Every structure is written in C-alpha cells, then in structure tokens.
Amino acid sequence: MINDSKQSFWEHMTPWIMNVTDDQNRLLFTLQFAAKVPSGQALYIPREGEAKNPLAEASG
C-alpha cells in the first residue's frame, strides 16, 4: 500500500508502456500507465539490443 502522505519519499512518477503481443509477436494492444517509484530506486532497464547507458554513448 502506498502512503501518499510521505510525499518526499515518492518523488518520481514513471511512465510505462506495455505492448501486449500474441504467440507470433504481433501487437495486440498497448497499455499506458504511470507508477510512483521511491526516490533513489528509479532504474533504467534497457531492452535487449539497446545500449546499457545511452546518455554516456551519446556524449562520446
């Protein structure tokens, strides 16, 4: 259960997009939602094939 009264703890609102596919990897529908993430625990998890740290690679 999230206690919204501790506002300083819940600083990050993270948008999520979930693609739902069938057995042949065809897109059926997309879900969009937001989740509150505790401060200091917001992590970027790259998809397979993505750079692990895209900001570091972009800066050279």
C-alpha atoms as a PDB file:
ATOM      1  CA  MET A   1       0.000   0.000   0.000  1.00  0.00           C
ATOM      2  CA  ILE A   2       1.360   3.421  -0.954  1.00  0.00           C
ATOM      3  CA  ASN A   3       1.079   6.150   1.656  1.00  0.00           C
ATOM      4  CA  ASP A   4       0.891   9.408  -0.326  1.00  0.00           C
ATOM      5  CA  SER A   5       1.321  11.470   2.852  1.00  0.00           C
ATOM      6  CA  LYS A   6       5.079  10.794   2.649  1.00  0.00           C
ATOM      7  CA  GLN A   7       5.389  12.974  -0.443  1.00  0.00           C
ATOM      8  CA  SER A   8       9.169  13.437  -0.237  1.00  0.00           C
ATOM      9  CA  PHE A   9       9.680   9.663  -0.445  1.00  0.00           C
ATOM     10  CA  TRP A  10       7.570   9.315  -3.605  1.00  0.00           C
ATOM     11  CA  GLU A  11       9.250  11.877  -5.868  1.00  0.00           C
ATOM     12  CA  HIS A  12       9.352  10.032  -9.188  1.00  0.00           C
ATOM     13  CA  MET A  13       6.309   9.425 -11.376  1.00  0.00           C
ATOM     14  CA  THR A  14       7.407   6.971 -14.030  1.00  0.00           C
ATOM     15  CA  PRO A  15       5.502   6.474 -17.308  1.00  0.00           C
ATOM     16  CA  TRP A  16       5.229   2.905 -18.589  1.00  0.00           C
ATOM     17  CA  ILE A  17       4.091   1.493 -21.921  1.00  0.00           C
ATOM     18  CA  MET A  18       3.364  -2.220 -22.116  1.00  0.00           C
ATOM     19  CA  ASN A  19       2.987  -3.844 -25.532  1.00  0.00           C
ATOM     20  CA  VAL A  20       0.846  -6.995 -25.440  1.00  0.00           C
ATOM     21  CA  THR A  21       1.620  -9.460 -28.233  1.00  0.00           C
ATOM     22  CA  ASP A  22       0.399 -12.865 -29.363  1.00  0.00           C
ATOM     23  CA  ASP A  23       2.477 -16.048 -29.813  1.00  0.00           C
ATOM     24  CA  GLN A  24       3.742 -14.786 -33.178  1.00  0.00           C
ATOM     25  CA  ASN A  25       4.897 -11.486 -31.659  1.00  0.00           C
ATOM     26  CA  ARG A  26       2.106  -9.484 -33.352  1.00  0.00           C
ATOM     27  CA  LEU A  27       0.998  -6.429 -31.400  1.00  0.00           C
ATOM     28  CA  LEU A  28      -2.491  -6.903 -29.961  1.00  0.00           C
ATOM     29  CA  PHE A  29      -2.786  -3.726 -27.887  1.00  0.00           C
ATOM     30  CA  THR A  30      -0.773  -1.240 -25.844  1.00  0.00           C
ATOM     31  CA  LEU A  31      -1.304  -0.293 -22.206  1.00  0.00           C
ATOM     32  CA  GLN A  32      -0.090   3.081 -20.939  1.00  0.00           C
ATOM     33  CA  PHE A  33       0.097   3.857 -17.240  1.00  0.00           C
ATOM     34  CA  ALA A  34       2.192   5.642 -14.627  1.00  0.00           C
ATOM     35  CA  ALA A  35       3.731   4.283 -11.460  1.00  0.00           C
ATOM     36  CA  LYS A  36       5.123   6.004  -8.403  1.00  0.00           C
ATOM     37  CA  VAL A  37       8.702   4.942  -7.751  1.00  0.00           C
ATOM     38  CA  PRO A  38      10.522   5.535  -4.438  1.00  0.00           C
ATOM     39  CA  SER A  39      13.271   8.160  -4.679  1.00  0.00           C
ATOM     40  CA  GLY A  40      16.673   6.663  -5.334  1.00  0.00           C
ATOM     41  CA  GLN A  41      15.194   3.455  -6.731  1.00  0.00           C
ATOM     42  CA  ALA A  42      14.263   4.609 -10.240  1.00  0.00           C
ATOM     43  CA  LEU A  43      16.249   2.401 -12.609  1.00  0.00           C
ATOM     44  CA  TYR A  44      16.502   2.321 -16.381  1.00  0.00           C
ATOM     45  CA  ILE A  45      16.473  -1.257 -17.645  1.00  0.00           C
ATOM     46  CA  PRO A  46      17.433  -1.377 -21.335  1.00  0.00           C
ATOM     47  CA  ARG A  47      15.585  -3.606 -23.761  1.00  0.00           C
ATOM     48  CA  GLU A  48      17.504  -6.386 -25.428  1.00  0.00           C
ATOM     49  CA  GLY A  49      19.743  -4.819 -28.076  1.00  0.00           C
ATOM     50  CA  GLU A  50      19.691  -1.305 -26.549  1.00  0.00           C
ATOM     51  CA  ALA A  51      22.773   0.427 -25.226  1.00  0.00           C
ATOM     52  CA  LYS A  52      23.188  -0.049 -21.487  1.00  0.00           C
ATOM     53  CA  ASN A  53      23.829   3.668 -20.939  1.00  0.00           C
ATOM     54  CA  PRO A  54      22.536   5.645 -23.942  1.00  0.00           C
ATOM     55  CA  LEU A  55      23.475   9.020 -22.384  1.00  0.00           C
ATOM     56  CA  ALA A  56      27.128   8.011 -21.943  1.00  0.00           C
ATOM     57  CA  GLU A  57      27.379   6.778 -25.531  1.00  0.00           C
ATOM     58  CA  ALA A  58      25.686   9.899 -26.920  1.00  0.00           C
ATOM     59  CA  SER A  59      28.139  12.197 -25.140  1.00  0.00           C
ATOM     60  CA  GLY A  60      31.080  10.425 -26.736  1.00  0.00           C
END
